[in-house]
Amino acid sequence: MNSIDPIGFIRGTKGDSVSFLVNKDVCLSFGQIVRIESGERLFYARVINSESSSTLELVEQLREAEGKEAFGPYSAYRNVDAMLFLEKRLGKVRSPTFNPNYRDKVYVASEEDCSVLKLSGELEVGRLRSEDQLLGSVGINIDAVPRMMGMFGMTGSGKTNTELILNAQIIDNSPKTVALIFDFAGQLLEGKEIKPQRGLRDHPLFHTKVQYYSSRDGKMAVGLHTITPGNLDTLFPDIQPPQRRIAWELYKHLGATWIEKARESYRANGNLELRANKSAAEALMQKLASLPHDLFPPSSYTFIDSALRNICNGVSCLVDISGLRSEDQTA
């Protein structure tokens, strides 16, 4: 199978989805990139589904399979579904503005297509494969990395492995690249449970270019004395203005230890020793009482300051929050 001869033709399109029939003995893979030539446009699509059938009705198929009756002539075919993701027109590559036509020819991607797609980058995350042929590297340019990014896919689609590779590349390119990594599943430090999976701990620069924070070793803590009422919107997105005003009054009278002293006073006397709406005060104290002691100890230490210093010095920070409750992860 080469990129010169067509492997099939378009049988139908809808939006950015295309279906095409493939020639006999053509071997494709899920996720493979194909090229579609449509007049002055070139479309690139990713294979997402495939089905094999014939022009016989289901009853006829069953009777023939059971040897009760032979039908003919009929045609067997394989239909492949793909999702458009890029279009090349007049030398420019962009998101698809239209879709191919019926009977447009479909080809496997070539090395030239790899250069057209500009898939390579300084942070290499893999290789582009067409059947058993490797066409080139796939990566992300450093200046294209956003401030925040997410990775989405079904279970087993390779999210964790891709993230491990990308994070390893970020570590390799330090101090040009640095990352604040939140590990929700606890799989990035040592890898998944399936061995011989390797994690970021196995990176040769881990001890010099990565700082690990976890609630299990006490390093991930935010001291109560570092929290001001201005931080409450982050800790409690549903906080109301009356509760916020009471918090500022407490902070004005009690200083940095306002949370600690307010909780002690409320436990002992059932009030805050200041004039305030009772229901608003109760709601505020319920929120402050919900802060877990292991994550929010009565101290002036906060791992946030440590993480910011490390990031400014080109040291990536891996924050493992897998052992926390969902509400504590949000906080």
Protein backbone atom coordinates (compact mmCIF):
# COMPACT_ATOMS: atom_id res chain seq x y z
CA MET A 1 0.00 0.00 0.00
CA ASN A 2 1.52 3.33 -1.07
CA SER A 3 0.44 6.95 -1.03
CA ILE A 4 0.27 7.19 -4.85
CA ASP A 5 -2.56 4.74 -5.51
CA PRO A 6 -5.99 5.48 -4.06
CA ILE A 7 -7.26 3.08 -1.41
CA GLY A 8 -10.93 3.89 -1.94
CA PHE A 9 -13.48 6.60 -2.64
CA ILE A 10 -15.92 8.77 -0.70
CA ARG A 11 -19.44 7.35 -0.47
CA GLY A 12 -20.97 10.04 1.71
CA THR A 13 -20.28 13.07 3.91
CA LYS A 14 -22.10 14.88 6.70
CA GLY A 15 -20.55 17.88 8.41
CA ASP A 16 -16.97 17.00 9.31
CA SER A 17 -17.68 13.23 9.11
CA VAL A 18 -16.86 11.25 5.98
CA SER A 19 -17.49 7.65 4.94
CA PHE A 20 -15.53 5.89 2.25
CA LEU A 21 -15.38 2.44 0.68
CA VAL A 22 -11.93 0.82 0.61
CA ASN A 23 -10.49 -1.41 -2.05
CA LYS A 24 -10.02 -5.13 -1.49
CA ASP A 25 -7.03 -6.14 0.66
CA VAL A 26 -6.48 -2.56 1.93
CA CYS A 27 -5.28 -2.59 5.55
CA LEU A 28 -6.04 0.43 7.74
CA SER A 29 -5.83 1.11 11.47
CA PHE A 30 -7.99 3.08 13.87
CA GLY A 31 -6.49 6.52 14.31
CA GLN A 32 -4.66 6.39 10.97
CA ILE A 33 -4.57 9.60 8.92
CA VAL A 34 -5.84 9.56 5.34
CA ARG A 35 -5.74 12.20 2.59
CA ILE A 36 -8.74 13.02 0.42
CA GLU A 37 -8.28 14.86 -2.88
CA SER A 38 -11.27 17.02 -3.79
CA GLY A 39 -10.58 19.42 -6.67
CA GLU A 40 -8.31 22.20 -5.48
CA ARG A 41 -8.72 21.08 -1.86
CA LEU A 42 -6.89 18.41 0.11
CA PHE A 43 -8.64 17.10 3.19
CA TYR A 44 -7.02 15.19 6.05
CA ALA A 45 -9.11 12.88 8.20
CA ARG A 46 -8.59 10.45 11.08
CA VAL A 47 -10.06 6.93 10.86
CA ILE A 48 -12.52 6.38 13.73
CA ASN A 49 -14.70 3.41 12.69
CA SER A 50 -15.06 0.60 10.18
CA GLU A 51 -17.70 -1.96 9.22
CA SER A 52 -17.84 -4.84 6.76
CA SER A 53 -21.03 -5.98 5.06
CA SER A 54 -22.60 -6.97 1.75
CA THR A 55 -25.45 -5.91 -0.50
CA LEU A 56 -27.51 -8.89 0.67
CA GLU A 57 -30.36 -8.44 3.10
CA LEU A 58 -29.87 -9.88 6.60
CA VAL A 59 -32.23 -12.83 5.98
CA GLU A 60 -30.36 -13.67 2.78
CA GLN A 61 -27.02 -13.50 4.60
CA LEU A 62 -28.27 -15.89 7.28
CA ARG A 63 -29.69 -18.39 4.77
CA GLU A 64 -26.46 -18.37 2.79
CA ALA A 65 -24.33 -18.73 5.96
CA GLU A 66 -26.43 -21.75 7.00
CA GLY A 67 -25.97 -23.30 3.55
CA LYS A 68 -29.70 -23.32 2.84
CA GLU A 69 -29.56 -21.13 -0.24
CA ALA A 70 -26.95 -19.43 -2.45
CA PHE A 71 -27.44 -15.88 -3.63
CA GLY A 72 -25.71 -13.99 -6.37
CA PRO A 73 -24.39 -11.93 -7.75
CA TYR A 74 -23.79 -9.62 -4.79
CA SER A 75 -21.00 -7.36 -3.53
CA ALA A 76 -19.11 -7.45 -0.24
CA TYR A 77 -17.64 -4.17 0.95
CA ARG A 78 -15.87 -2.45 3.82
CA ASN A 79 -17.02 1.01 4.85
CA VAL A 80 -14.71 3.27 6.87
CA ASP A 81 -15.74 6.35 8.86
CA ALA A 82 -13.29 9.19 9.39
CA MET A 83 -13.33 12.66 10.96
CA LEU A 84 -12.00 15.66 9.03
CA PHE A 85 -9.51 17.79 10.96
CA LEU A 86 -7.51 19.81 8.40
CA GLU A 87 -7.90 21.23 4.91
CA LYS A 88 -5.21 22.46 2.50
CA ARG A 89 -6.21 24.96 -0.16
CA LEU A 90 -4.09 27.36 -2.20
CA GLY A 91 -1.03 26.46 -0.15
CA LYS A 92 -2.70 27.26 3.20
CA VAL A 93 -3.57 24.72 5.88
CA ARG A 94 -6.52 25.40 8.17
CA SER A 95 -9.53 23.81 9.86
CA PRO A 96 -12.01 22.32 7.36
CA THR A 97 -14.28 24.90 5.71
CA PHE A 98 -16.27 22.31 3.75
CA ASN A 99 -16.23 18.56 3.04
CA PRO A 100 -15.32 16.27 0.10
CA ASN A 101 -17.62 15.17 -2.72
CA TYR A 102 -19.01 11.76 -3.59
CA ARG A 103 -16.43 9.59 -5.43
CA ASP A 104 -13.45 11.75 -4.36
CA LYS A 105 -10.37 9.55 -4.07
CA VAL A 106 -8.87 8.59 -0.68
CA TYR A 107 -5.14 7.95 -0.10
CA VAL A 108 -2.98 6.93 2.83
CA ALA A 109 -0.87 9.72 4.33
CA SER A 110 2.69 10.08 3.05
CA GLU A 111 5.88 11.68 4.33
CA GLU A 112 4.99 14.74 2.25
CA ASP A 113 1.64 14.92 4.03
CA CYS A 114 3.49 14.76 7.35
CA SER A 115 5.47 17.87 6.37
CA VAL A 116 2.29 19.60 5.14
CA LEU A 117 0.55 18.92 8.46
CA LYS A 118 3.53 20.35 10.36
CA LEU A 119 3.15 17.73 13.08
CA SER A 120 6.72 17.87 14.36
CA GLY A 121 7.75 20.07 17.28
CA GLU A 122 10.42 20.62 19.92
CA LEU A 123 8.47 18.59 22.49
CA GLU A 124 8.25 15.22 20.74
CA VAL A 125 5.36 13.05 21.93
CA GLY A 126 5.30 10.28 19.33
CA ARG A 127 5.56 9.21 15.71
CA LEU A 128 3.06 9.36 12.86
CA ARG A 129 2.43 5.85 11.57
CA SER A 130 0.79 4.74 8.31
CA GLU A 131 0.21 0.99 8.61
CA ASP A 132 3.72 -0.29 9.48
CA GLN A 133 5.58 2.72 8.06
CA LEU A 134 6.81 5.53 10.31
CA LEU A 135 6.36 8.86 8.53
CA GLY A 136 7.91 11.26 11.02
CA SER A 137 7.82 12.66 14.53
CA VAL A 138 4.82 14.30 16.17
CA GLY A 139 5.34 17.06 18.70
CA ILE A 140 4.44 20.47 20.02
CA ASN A 141 6.43 23.67 19.60
CA ILE A 142 7.37 25.26 22.90
CA ASP A 143 5.82 28.61 21.98
CA ALA A 144 2.53 26.83 21.20
CA VAL A 145 2.10 25.36 24.70
CA PRO A 146 -0.83 27.15 26.40
CA ARG A 147 -0.87 28.26 30.03
CA MET A 148 -3.41 25.53 30.78
CA MET A 149 -4.17 22.38 28.84
CA GLY A 150 -6.32 19.27 29.17
CA MET A 151 -6.20 15.81 27.64
CA PHE A 152 -9.42 13.93 26.96
CA GLY A 153 -10.18 10.42 25.75
CA MET A 154 -11.81 7.12 26.60
CA THR A 155 -10.28 4.68 29.09
CA GLY A 156 -7.30 2.98 27.48
CA SER A 157 -6.85 5.59 24.75
CA GLY A 158 -3.34 6.50 25.97
CA LYS A 159 -3.88 9.71 27.95
CA THR A 160 -1.54 8.79 30.82
CA ASN A 161 1.25 7.55 28.54
CA THR A 162 1.01 10.68 26.40
CA GLU A 163 1.07 12.89 29.48
CA LEU A 164 4.13 11.08 30.85
CA ILE A 165 5.96 11.56 27.55
CA LEU A 166 4.96 15.23 27.29
CA ASN A 167 5.97 15.96 30.88
CA ALA A 168 9.30 14.19 30.34
CA GLN A 169 9.92 16.41 27.31
CA ILE A 170 9.09 19.51 29.37
CA ILE A 171 11.62 18.39 32.00
CA ASP A 172 14.23 17.76 29.29
CA ASN A 173 13.82 21.29 27.95
CA SER A 174 14.00 23.06 31.33
CA PRO A 175 14.36 26.00 31.97
CA LYS A 176 12.82 26.87 28.57
CA THR A 177 9.77 24.86 29.64
CA VAL A 178 8.33 24.33 33.10
CA ALA A 179 5.05 22.82 34.26
CA LEU A 180 2.67 22.74 37.21
CA ILE A 181 1.23 19.22 36.98
CA PHE A 182 -1.81 18.05 38.95
CA ASP A 183 -2.05 14.26 39.20
CA PHE A 184 -5.65 13.27 39.98
CA ALA A 185 -5.11 9.50 39.62
CA GLY A 186 -1.70 9.08 41.28
CA GLN A 187 -0.15 7.47 38.19
CA LEU A 188 2.45 10.00 37.08
CA LEU A 189 5.13 9.55 39.76
CA GLU A 190 5.67 5.81 39.41
CA GLY A 191 3.53 5.01 36.38
CA LYS A 192 0.53 2.73 36.21
CA GLU A 193 0.31 -0.46 38.24
CA ILE A 194 1.01 -2.55 35.13
CA LYS A 195 4.75 -3.13 35.07
CA PRO A 196 7.28 -2.41 33.62
CA GLN A 197 5.58 0.97 33.33
CA ARG A 198 7.90 3.85 34.23
CA GLY A 199 6.92 7.16 35.78
CA LEU A 200 8.43 10.62 36.14
CA ARG A 201 10.47 9.38 39.12
CA ASP A 202 12.53 7.36 36.61
CA HIS A 203 13.49 10.49 34.64
CA PRO A 204 17.23 11.14 35.02
CA LEU A 205 16.58 14.82 35.87
CA PHE A 206 13.76 14.14 38.35
CA HIS A 207 15.75 14.99 41.48
CA THR A 208 17.05 18.28 40.06
CA LYS A 209 14.23 19.48 37.80
CA VAL A 210 11.07 18.21 39.52
CA GLN A 211 9.59 18.90 42.96
CA TYR A 212 6.98 16.41 44.19
CA TYR A 213 4.16 17.45 46.52
CA SER A 214 1.73 15.06 48.19
CA SER A 215 -0.63 15.20 51.15
CA ARG A 216 0.77 11.83 52.23
CA ASP A 217 4.17 13.25 53.18
CA GLY A 218 2.85 16.53 54.63
CA LYS A 219 4.50 18.67 51.95
CA MET A 220 1.21 19.75 50.43
CA ALA A 221 -0.20 22.05 53.10
CA VAL A 222 -1.66 25.55 53.15
CA GLY A 223 -1.25 27.20 56.55
CA LEU A 224 -4.34 28.91 57.94
CA HIS A 225 -2.25 31.98 58.75
CA THR A 226 -1.62 32.49 55.01
CA ILE A 227 -5.32 32.62 54.12
CA THR A 228 -7.07 35.98 53.89
CA PRO A 229 -10.78 36.61 53.20
CA GLY A 230 -9.75 37.36 49.63
CA ASN A 231 -8.90 33.66 49.21
CA LEU A 232 -12.36 32.46 50.22
CA ASP A 233 -13.80 32.82 46.71
CA THR A 234 -11.29 30.21 45.55
CA LEU A 235 -11.85 27.89 48.51
CA PHE A 236 -15.64 28.29 48.54
CA PRO A 237 -17.05 29.41 45.16
CA ASP A 238 -20.57 29.53 46.64
CA ILE A 239 -19.69 32.01 49.41
CA GLN A 240 -22.18 34.89 49.69
CA PRO A 241 -21.47 38.64 50.22
CA PRO A 242 -22.76 38.66 53.87
CA GLN A 243 -20.37 35.83 54.75
CA ARG A 244 -17.53 37.62 53.00
CA ARG A 245 -18.18 40.81 54.98
CA ILE A 246 -18.09 38.90 58.27
CA ALA A 247 -14.80 37.30 57.23
CA TRP A 248 -13.23 40.71 56.59
CA GLU A 249 -14.42 41.94 60.01
CA LEU A 250 -12.84 38.92 61.68
CA TYR A 251 -9.61 39.46 59.75
CA LYS A 252 -9.57 43.16 60.73
CA HIS A 253 -9.93 42.35 64.45
CA LEU A 254 -7.94 39.08 64.73
CA GLY A 255 -5.24 39.39 62.06
CA ALA A 256 -3.52 36.41 60.46
CA THR A 257 -4.92 33.97 63.05
CA TRP A 258 -8.53 34.95 62.29
CA ILE A 259 -9.67 31.48 61.15
CA GLU A 260 -8.07 29.67 64.07
CA LYS A 261 -9.40 32.09 66.72
CA ALA A 262 -12.85 32.36 65.15
CA ARG A 263 -13.24 28.59 65.15
CA GLU A 264 -12.12 28.39 68.80
CA SER A 265 -14.56 31.14 69.84
CA TYR A 266 -17.43 29.61 67.93
CA ARG A 267 -16.83 26.17 69.45
CA ALA A 268 -16.61 27.61 72.98
CA ASN A 269 -19.37 30.25 72.92
CA GLY A 270 -21.50 29.51 69.87
CA ASN A 271 -20.87 33.01 68.52
CA LEU A 272 -18.13 35.17 67.00
CA GLU A 273 -18.06 37.96 69.61
CA LEU A 274 -19.01 40.54 67.02
CA ARG A 275 -22.29 41.88 65.70
CA ALA A 276 -23.25 39.82 62.66
CA ASN A 277 -26.22 38.18 61.00
CA LYS A 278 -26.63 34.84 62.75
CA SER A 279 -27.43 32.74 59.68
CA ALA A 280 -24.57 34.29 57.68
CA ALA A 281 -22.15 33.70 60.58
CA GLU A 282 -23.24 30.07 60.87
CA ALA A 283 -22.82 29.52 57.14
CA LEU A 284 -19.32 31.05 57.22
CA MET A 285 -18.25 28.97 60.22
CA GLN A 286 -19.51 25.78 58.62
CA LYS A 287 -17.27 26.51 55.66
CA LEU A 288 -14.23 27.31 57.82
CA ALA A 289 -14.81 24.21 59.95
CA SER A 290 -14.79 22.03 56.81
CA LEU A 291 -11.13 22.84 56.06
CA PRO A 292 -9.26 19.57 56.88
CA HIS A 293 -6.53 19.97 59.52
CA ASP A 294 -3.92 17.95 57.64
CA LEU A 295 -4.14 20.19 54.55
CA PHE A 296 -4.80 23.44 56.41
CA PRO A 297 -2.73 23.37 59.63
CA PRO A 298 -2.49 26.43 61.95
CA SER A 299 0.83 27.66 60.55
CA SER A 300 2.40 30.22 58.25
CA TYR A 301 3.76 27.62 55.78
CA THR A 302 2.17 27.14 52.37
CA PHE A 303 3.43 24.84 49.65
CA ILE A 304 2.10 27.37 47.12
CA ASP A 305 5.02 29.71 47.85
CA SER A 306 7.44 26.80 47.45
CA ALA A 307 5.84 25.76 44.15
CA LEU A 308 5.99 29.31 42.77
CA ARG A 309 9.69 29.61 43.67
CA ASN A 310 10.44 26.30 41.96
CA ILE A 311 8.53 27.22 38.82
CA CYS A 312 10.32 30.58 38.63
CA ASN A 313 13.62 28.67 38.86
CA GLY A 314 12.71 26.29 36.05
CA VAL A 315 11.73 23.38 38.30
CA SER A 316 8.48 21.62 37.36
CA CYS A 317 6.08 20.78 40.19
CA LEU A 318 4.15 17.51 40.38
CA VAL A 319 1.20 17.85 42.77
CA ASP A 320 -0.38 14.51 43.66
CA ILE A 321 -3.96 15.07 44.83
CA SER A 322 -5.16 11.50 44.23
CA GLY A 323 -5.61 10.75 47.93
CA LEU A 324 -7.92 13.69 48.61
CA ARG A 325 -11.67 13.93 48.63
CA SER A 326 -13.16 15.62 45.58
CA GLU A 327 -14.15 18.70 47.62
CA ASP A 328 -10.60 18.95 49.04
CA GLN A 329 -9.15 18.64 45.50
CA THR A 330 -11.26 21.62 44.49
CA ALA A 331 -10.00 23.64 47.44
